[in-house]
């Protein structure tokens, strides 16, 4: 365990030694939250809460993650700050009435957000593939996905957040069996229709959560998470779940947006996060015991449309669950549609 000087320890204890800040630490033990969500739970103004968060961040007890117009906070994954927070939480009665009210309020806020996202998915299900195609060259992304996974054969493929089943329709020919899960029943209805051909008889779709699936450990040699992470409260949980599902030497392939500042996607399309950096993905994989591979990046297409319809850069990340020695990460490869089709 790392150690710090006594003055630093006093600063950390002083930061944690206040009721609101202690409540914040308890709430963040349930997952990352935006400053607005924390303010809602705690019944405080954002300026006042921001002052508390500054104390906790300066002491290294929480991590601050600016993202567009929003700011998210989470507990450190490791280090002295996390060790201290864990020690404090062990001493707190998390079942007490005060914190239980906070936790109930937190679940109410999360449930409302999930309902809003679910209603968006239900409204958009029939146009879902077209909506995604507004933001990047879909055909080029799909070609790159197929190039990345090769032709298998795969014993079992799991598509987490399958949507309309588009990824399954592309990769099913290379698998002995494949499963897709999604939280939207309307999406699953469309996916079943799209996969009704006899050539997809080895493919199933079912209702399920990408962060907590019903599949067995080490049950898939390929897991795909295609344009799902930016909808999740805690994207790293989906990466952890993928690691649990993967067989040794299995491959994880993730497609999602690079960081951007199109705030309207939060408002109109239920996006929780405005893209992710390579560092975020690498950190999640390290925590899940996965070895990160090279990244393919498709820069945002040139457009003359207004900003709210502009393209967004897309990353294709890979990671491997392997018993082999860790090899260096290759540099990110930047691609555009012209280079891919050359």
Protein backbone atom coordinates (compact mmCIF):
# COMPACT_ATOMS: atom_id res chain seq x y z
CA UNK A 1 0.00 0.00 0.00
CA UNK A 2 1.30 3.48 -0.89
CA UNK A 3 2.03 5.90 1.95
CA UNK A 4 1.84 9.70 2.20
CA UNK A 5 3.24 12.36 4.51
CA UNK A 6 1.30 13.13 7.66
CA UNK A 7 0.42 16.67 6.48
CA UNK A 8 -1.11 15.22 3.33
CA UNK A 9 -3.05 12.73 5.39
CA UNK A 10 -4.43 15.53 7.56
CA UNK A 11 -5.54 17.39 4.42
CA UNK A 12 -7.31 14.26 3.15
CA UNK A 13 -9.07 13.70 6.46
CA UNK A 14 -10.08 17.36 6.62
CA UNK A 15 -11.55 17.11 3.11
CA UNK A 16 -13.57 14.03 4.04
CA UNK A 17 -14.45 15.27 7.53
CA UNK A 18 -17.62 17.20 6.65
CA UNK A 19 -21.13 15.79 6.37
CA UNK A 20 -21.90 16.77 2.77
CA UNK A 21 -18.51 15.59 1.52
CA UNK A 22 -18.82 12.29 3.36
CA UNK A 23 -22.27 11.81 1.76
CA UNK A 24 -20.69 12.51 -1.64
CA UNK A 25 -18.10 9.78 -1.09
CA UNK A 26 -20.85 7.32 -0.15
CA UNK A 27 -22.87 8.23 -3.27
CA UNK A 28 -19.86 7.91 -5.57
CA UNK A 29 -19.26 4.43 -4.20
CA UNK A 30 -22.38 3.55 -6.26
CA UNK A 31 -20.81 4.86 -9.49
CA UNK A 32 -19.82 8.08 -11.25
CA UNK A 33 -22.24 11.01 -11.11
CA UNK A 34 -22.51 14.45 -12.63
CA UNK A 35 -22.38 17.50 -10.40
CA UNK A 36 -26.03 18.18 -11.28
CA UNK A 37 -27.09 14.73 -10.13
CA UNK A 38 -25.17 15.09 -6.88
CA UNK A 39 -26.84 18.46 -6.31
CA UNK A 40 -30.28 16.89 -6.87
CA UNK A 41 -29.64 14.09 -4.40
CA UNK A 42 -28.13 16.32 -1.75
CA UNK A 43 -30.60 19.19 -2.20
CA UNK A 44 -27.87 21.79 -2.64
CA UNK A 45 -27.10 24.42 -5.24
CA UNK A 46 -24.48 23.54 -7.83
CA UNK A 47 -22.14 26.44 -6.83
CA UNK A 48 -22.19 25.33 -3.21
CA UNK A 49 -21.65 21.69 -4.13
CA UNK A 50 -18.84 22.64 -6.51
CA UNK A 51 -16.93 24.12 -3.58
CA UNK A 52 -17.24 20.82 -1.72
CA UNK A 53 -16.09 18.92 -4.81
CA UNK A 54 -13.04 21.17 -5.09
CA UNK A 55 -11.97 20.10 -1.58
CA UNK A 56 -12.41 16.41 -2.40
CA UNK A 57 -10.66 16.68 -5.76
CA UNK A 58 -7.68 18.61 -4.36
CA UNK A 59 -7.26 15.95 -1.69
CA UNK A 60 -7.25 13.18 -4.29
CA UNK A 61 -10.38 11.53 -2.87
CA UNK A 62 -12.39 11.96 -6.07
CA UNK A 63 -11.53 12.44 -9.73
CA UNK A 64 -13.03 15.24 -11.81
CA UNK A 65 -13.91 14.50 -15.46
CA UNK A 66 -15.04 17.52 -17.50
CA UNK A 67 -17.10 16.51 -20.53
CA UNK A 68 -18.52 19.26 -22.69
CA UNK A 69 -20.80 21.42 -20.55
CA UNK A 70 -21.01 18.70 -17.89
CA UNK A 71 -18.62 17.60 -15.15
CA UNK A 72 -18.62 14.03 -13.83
CA UNK A 73 -17.03 12.79 -10.62
CA UNK A 74 -15.92 9.33 -9.60
CA UNK A 75 -13.81 7.66 -6.92
CA UNK A 76 -10.19 6.94 -7.87
CA UNK A 77 -9.70 3.41 -9.14
CA UNK A 78 -6.54 2.91 -7.10
CA UNK A 79 -3.94 4.72 -5.02
CA UNK A 80 -3.81 6.35 -1.60
CA UNK A 81 -6.99 8.33 -2.18
CA UNK A 82 -8.99 5.21 -2.97
CA UNK A 83 -7.47 3.33 -0.03
CA UNK A 84 -8.50 6.12 2.31
CA UNK A 85 -12.03 6.38 0.91
CA UNK A 86 -12.50 2.62 1.23
CA UNK A 87 -11.33 2.77 4.85
CA UNK A 88 -13.77 5.61 5.61
CA UNK A 89 -16.69 3.84 3.95
CA UNK A 90 -16.02 0.70 5.96
CA UNK A 91 -16.56 2.72 9.13
CA UNK A 92 -19.77 4.43 7.97
CA UNK A 93 -23.17 2.84 8.52
CA UNK A 94 -24.29 2.80 4.90
CA UNK A 95 -27.64 1.33 5.98
CA UNK A 96 -28.43 4.29 8.23
CA UNK A 97 -31.53 6.39 7.58
CA UNK A 98 -29.64 9.44 6.29
CA UNK A 99 -27.62 7.65 3.62
CA UNK A 100 -30.50 5.38 2.72
CA UNK A 101 -32.54 8.46 1.80
CA UNK A 102 -29.66 9.57 -0.41
CA UNK A 103 -29.45 6.17 -2.08
CA UNK A 104 -33.22 6.05 -2.67
CA UNK A 105 -33.12 9.51 -4.22
CA UNK A 106 -30.17 8.45 -6.38
CA UNK A 107 -32.09 5.44 -7.69
CA UNK A 108 -35.11 7.66 -8.43
CA UNK A 109 -32.92 9.96 -10.52
CA UNK A 110 -31.33 7.04 -12.33
CA UNK A 111 -34.70 5.43 -12.97
CA UNK A 112 -36.04 8.67 -14.44
CA UNK A 113 -33.00 8.96 -16.69
CA UNK A 114 -33.34 5.35 -17.84
CA UNK A 115 -37.04 5.88 -18.55
CA UNK A 116 -36.22 8.93 -20.66
CA UNK A 117 -33.58 6.99 -22.58
CA UNK A 118 -35.93 4.03 -23.02
CA UNK A 119 -38.65 6.27 -24.40
CA UNK A 120 -36.16 7.69 -26.89
CA UNK A 121 -35.17 4.21 -28.04
CA UNK A 122 -38.79 3.18 -28.45
CA UNK A 123 -39.58 6.30 -30.47
CA UNK A 124 -36.48 5.92 -32.61
CA UNK A 125 -36.31 2.16 -33.08
CA UNK A 126 -37.53 2.07 -36.69
CA UNK A 127 -35.12 4.84 -37.73
CA UNK A 128 -32.25 3.74 -35.50
CA UNK A 129 -29.75 2.65 -38.15
CA UNK A 130 -30.44 5.86 -40.10
CA UNK A 131 -29.94 7.98 -36.97
CA UNK A 132 -26.54 6.42 -36.34
CA UNK A 133 -25.56 6.88 -39.97
CA UNK A 134 -26.05 10.66 -39.67
CA UNK A 135 -22.88 10.95 -37.64
CA UNK A 136 -20.29 8.87 -39.50
CA UNK A 137 -19.80 6.76 -42.66
CA UNK A 138 -21.60 3.62 -41.50
CA UNK A 139 -20.51 1.46 -44.44
CA UNK A 140 -16.85 2.29 -43.79
CA UNK A 141 -17.16 1.50 -40.07
CA UNK A 142 -18.78 -1.85 -40.84
CA UNK A 143 -16.05 -2.73 -43.35
CA UNK A 144 -13.41 -1.89 -40.75
CA UNK A 145 -15.18 -4.01 -38.12
CA UNK A 146 -15.14 -7.02 -40.44
CA UNK A 147 -11.50 -6.39 -41.27
CA UNK A 148 -10.67 -6.20 -37.57
CA UNK A 149 -12.37 -9.43 -36.50
CA UNK A 150 -11.36 -11.50 -39.53
CA UNK A 151 -13.41 -14.50 -40.63
CA UNK A 152 -13.16 -16.61 -37.49
CA UNK A 153 -14.62 -19.08 -37.16
CA UNK A 154 -15.93 -18.07 -33.74
CA UNK A 155 -17.54 -20.48 -31.32
CA UNK A 156 -19.80 -17.89 -29.71
CA UNK A 157 -20.28 -14.17 -30.35
CA UNK A 158 -22.09 -11.81 -27.97
CA UNK A 159 -23.33 -8.42 -29.20
CA UNK A 160 -23.97 -6.20 -26.18
CA UNK A 161 -26.62 -3.61 -26.98
CA UNK A 162 -27.56 -5.14 -30.30
CA UNK A 163 -30.18 -2.55 -31.26
CA UNK A 164 -31.69 -3.52 -34.59
CA UNK A 165 -29.32 -6.48 -34.92
CA UNK A 166 -27.18 -4.90 -37.61
CA UNK A 167 -23.86 -6.09 -36.17
CA UNK A 168 -25.22 -9.61 -35.73
CA UNK A 169 -26.30 -9.72 -39.36
CA UNK A 170 -22.75 -8.80 -40.40
CA UNK A 171 -20.79 -11.17 -38.18
CA UNK A 172 -23.15 -14.15 -37.89
CA UNK A 173 -21.67 -15.88 -40.97
CA UNK A 174 -18.39 -16.27 -39.06
CA UNK A 175 -19.90 -17.79 -35.89
CA UNK A 176 -21.24 -21.15 -34.81
CA UNK A 177 -23.61 -19.32 -32.45
CA UNK A 178 -24.33 -15.68 -31.65
CA UNK A 179 -26.42 -13.81 -29.11
CA UNK A 180 -27.52 -10.20 -28.95
CA UNK A 181 -28.92 -8.41 -25.91
CA UNK A 182 -30.71 -5.07 -25.58
CA UNK A 183 -32.83 -3.30 -22.99
CA UNK A 184 -35.36 -2.05 -25.52
CA UNK A 185 -38.14 -4.50 -26.34
CA UNK A 186 -39.01 -2.46 -29.44
CA UNK A 187 -35.41 -2.74 -30.68
CA UNK A 188 -35.48 -6.48 -30.07
CA UNK A 189 -38.70 -6.80 -32.07
CA UNK A 190 -37.00 -5.14 -35.02
CA UNK A 191 -33.83 -7.20 -34.52
CA UNK A 192 -35.85 -10.43 -34.59
CA UNK A 193 -37.47 -9.31 -37.81
CA UNK A 194 -34.10 -8.42 -39.36
CA UNK A 195 -32.65 -11.79 -38.31
CA UNK A 196 -35.63 -13.94 -39.28
CA UNK A 197 -33.95 -15.47 -42.33
CA UNK A 198 -33.00 -19.14 -42.01
CA UNK A 199 -29.32 -18.25 -42.41
CA UNK A 200 -29.58 -16.65 -38.96
CA UNK A 201 -31.03 -19.73 -37.27
CA UNK A 202 -27.96 -19.89 -35.02
CA UNK A 203 -28.54 -16.32 -33.79
CA UNK A 204 -30.69 -15.36 -30.79
CA UNK A 205 -31.59 -12.00 -29.31
CA UNK A 206 -32.89 -11.44 -25.82
CA UNK A 207 -33.67 -8.77 -23.28
CA UNK A 208 -30.62 -7.95 -21.17
CA UNK A 209 -28.36 -5.34 -19.60
CA UNK A 210 -24.88 -4.87 -21.08
CA UNK A 211 -23.43 -4.34 -17.62
CA UNK A 212 -24.92 -7.51 -16.10
CA UNK A 213 -25.69 -10.30 -18.54
CA UNK A 214 -26.98 -13.82 -17.93
CA UNK A 215 -24.17 -15.52 -19.89
CA UNK A 216 -21.60 -17.76 -18.23
CA UNK A 217 -17.99 -16.84 -17.54
CA UNK A 218 -15.57 -17.46 -20.42
CA UNK A 219 -18.45 -18.19 -22.80
CA UNK A 220 -17.57 -16.04 -25.84
CA UNK A 221 -14.53 -15.72 -28.06
CA UNK A 222 -15.78 -12.39 -29.48
CA UNK A 223 -17.72 -9.64 -27.71
CA UNK A 224 -18.87 -6.57 -29.62
CA UNK A 225 -20.05 -3.31 -28.05
CA UNK A 226 -21.18 -1.13 -30.92
CA UNK A 227 -22.28 2.45 -30.16
CA UNK A 228 -23.49 1.56 -26.67
CA UNK A 229 -21.02 2.98 -24.16
CA UNK A 230 -22.04 6.62 -24.58
CA UNK A 231 -25.56 5.72 -23.38
CA UNK A 232 -24.37 4.07 -20.14
CA UNK A 233 -24.03 5.65 -16.70
CA UNK A 234 -20.90 3.59 -16.04
CA UNK A 235 -19.31 2.47 -19.33
CA UNK A 236 -16.47 0.72 -17.56
CA UNK A 237 -18.95 -1.80 -16.13
CA UNK A 238 -19.73 -2.99 -19.66
CA UNK A 239 -16.00 -3.47 -20.27
CA UNK A 240 -15.71 -5.45 -17.04
CA UNK A 241 -18.68 -7.59 -18.06
CA UNK A 242 -17.14 -8.21 -21.48
CA UNK A 243 -13.94 -9.38 -19.80
CA UNK A 244 -15.94 -11.82 -17.66
CA UNK A 245 -17.63 -13.23 -20.74
CA UNK A 246 -14.50 -13.61 -22.86
CA UNK A 247 -12.61 -16.86 -23.15
CA UNK A 248 -8.80 -16.70 -22.82
CA UNK A 249 -7.48 -15.14 -26.04
CA UNK A 250 -10.97 -13.83 -26.78
CA UNK A 251 -11.40 -10.50 -28.56
CA UNK A 252 -13.34 -7.43 -27.45
CA UNK A 253 -14.27 -4.94 -30.19
CA UNK A 254 -15.77 -1.59 -29.26
CA UNK A 255 -17.08 1.07 -31.63
CA UNK A 256 -17.92 4.47 -30.18
CA UNK A 257 -17.49 8.19 -30.59
CA UNK A 258 -14.26 10.08 -29.94
CA UNK A 259 -14.66 13.11 -27.62
CA UNK A 260 -16.85 15.85 -29.10
CA UNK A 261 -18.90 18.83 -27.96
CA UNK A 262 -22.31 18.28 -29.56
CA UNK A 263 -24.40 18.89 -26.46
CA UNK A 264 -27.67 18.44 -28.37
CA UNK A 265 -27.02 14.68 -28.40
CA UNK A 266 -27.58 14.64 -24.65
CA UNK A 267 -30.77 16.62 -25.02
CA UNK A 268 -32.27 14.97 -28.09
CA UNK A 269 -30.75 11.50 -28.32
CA UNK A 270 -30.23 10.42 -24.70
CA UNK A 271 -26.43 10.36 -24.85
CA UNK A 272 -24.94 10.16 -21.38
CA UNK A 273 -21.35 10.86 -22.49
CA UNK A 274 -19.93 12.93 -25.33
CA UNK A 275 -17.45 10.36 -26.58
CA UNK A 276 -14.38 8.79 -25.00
CA UNK A 277 -10.64 9.20 -25.26
CA UNK A 278 -8.15 6.40 -25.88
CA UNK A 279 -6.90 6.90 -22.32
CA UNK A 280 -10.35 6.20 -20.89
CA UNK A 281 -10.65 2.99 -22.85
CA UNK A 282 -7.13 1.86 -21.89
CA UNK A 283 -7.83 2.57 -18.22
CA UNK A 284 -11.07 0.56 -18.29
CA UNK A 285 -9.34 -2.35 -19.99
CA UNK A 286 -6.48 -2.33 -17.51
CA UNK A 287 -8.99 -2.48 -14.67
CA UNK A 288 -10.77 -5.38 -16.37
CA UNK A 289 -7.59 -7.37 -17.04
CA UNK A 290 -7.64 -6.86 -20.81
CA UNK A 291 -4.73 -6.07 -23.12
CA UNK A 292 -5.45 -3.12 -25.40
CA UNK A 293 -4.75 -3.48 -29.11
CA UNK A 294 -4.42 -0.87 -31.85
CA UNK A 295 -7.12 1.75 -32.43
CA UNK A 296 -8.68 2.71 -35.75
CA UNK A 297 -9.97 6.24 -35.88
CA UNK A 298 -12.31 7.67 -38.47
CA UNK A 299 -12.13 11.44 -38.46
CA UNK A 300 -15.39 13.37 -38.68
CA UNK A 301 -16.51 13.66 -42.30
CA UNK A 302 -16.33 17.07 -43.92
CA UNK A 303 -19.76 18.64 -43.98
CA UNK A 304 -21.44 21.88 -44.97
CA UNK A 305 -24.35 21.24 -42.65
CA UNK A 306 -24.98 23.23 -39.49
CA UNK A 307 -22.95 22.25 -36.43
CA UNK A 308 -25.72 20.16 -34.84
CA UNK A 309 -25.63 17.84 -37.86
CA UNK A 310 -21.87 17.78 -38.25
CA UNK A 311 -20.04 14.50 -38.23
CA UNK A 312 -18.28 13.02 -35.22
CA UNK A 313 -15.00 11.12 -35.16
CA UNK A 314 -15.42 7.42 -34.41
CA UNK A 315 -12.97 4.98 -32.80
CA UNK A 316 -12.76 1.24 -33.20
CA UNK A 317 -10.97 -0.15 -30.16
CA UNK A 318 -9.86 -3.71 -29.59
CA UNK A 319 -8.67 -5.57 -26.52
CA UNK A 320 -7.67 -9.13 -25.88
CA UNK A 321 -8.15 -11.44 -22.93
CA UNK A 322 -4.88 -13.28 -23.12
CA UNK A 323 -2.48 -15.23 -20.96
CA UNK A 324 0.40 -14.08 -23.16
CA UNK A 325 2.85 -11.37 -22.03
CA UNK A 326 1.54 -7.85 -22.51
CA UNK A 327 2.82 -6.24 -25.69
CA UNK A 328 3.14 -2.49 -26.33
CA UNK A 329 0.06 -0.69 -27.62
CA UNK A 330 0.40 0.25 -31.28
CA UNK A 331 -0.12 3.89 -32.29
CA UNK A 332 -3.61 4.99 -33.19
CA UNK A 333 -4.34 4.61 -36.89
CA UNK A 334 -6.30 7.52 -38.35
CA UNK A 335 -8.60 6.58 -41.20
CA UNK A 336 -11.10 8.27 -43.40
CA UNK A 337 -13.39 6.79 -45.99
CA UNK A 338 -11.02 7.58 -48.87
CA UNK A 339 -8.10 5.77 -47.22
CA UNK A 340 -10.26 2.76 -46.36
CA UNK A 341 -11.51 2.40 -49.92
CA UNK A 342 -8.11 3.00 -51.55
